[in-house]
């Protein structure tokens, strides 16, 4: 192999590894963003909160853990009041969940494709090294 061909191959190899690493990094960032949204949603759903208006403060139970009455059929708005229900509206929470789905899917795709490319490259390098060993 000539020196020029070796340098071209080495440059291609370096660029390939850099692209794979960028895909992994992008995937990790997208997954991190989706995870941040999911943590925010969990906080909104599970943590009690207080609404401040004027001189009155209203303590509200979490959207998930509230007293649903003896029959278990009392809605959140009936149990906690319209102000509490309006402060943690389902539409906003569902909208954020819908935004997080493509972020997570793209992140999984990018991270997995970058990781697979790097793993296959390492496998090929190891196979070439083993083939170069003397036989016998």
Foldseek 3Di string as FASTA:
>chain_A
DDPVVVVVVVVVVVVLLVQLVVLQVLLVVLQVVLVVLVVVLCCQAQQWDWDDDDPDIFTAGGQVDFPCDPVNPRHSCRRRHPVSCVVSDPVVSVVSNVVSVVSNVSSVVSNVVSVVSVVVVVVVVVVVVVVPDDDD
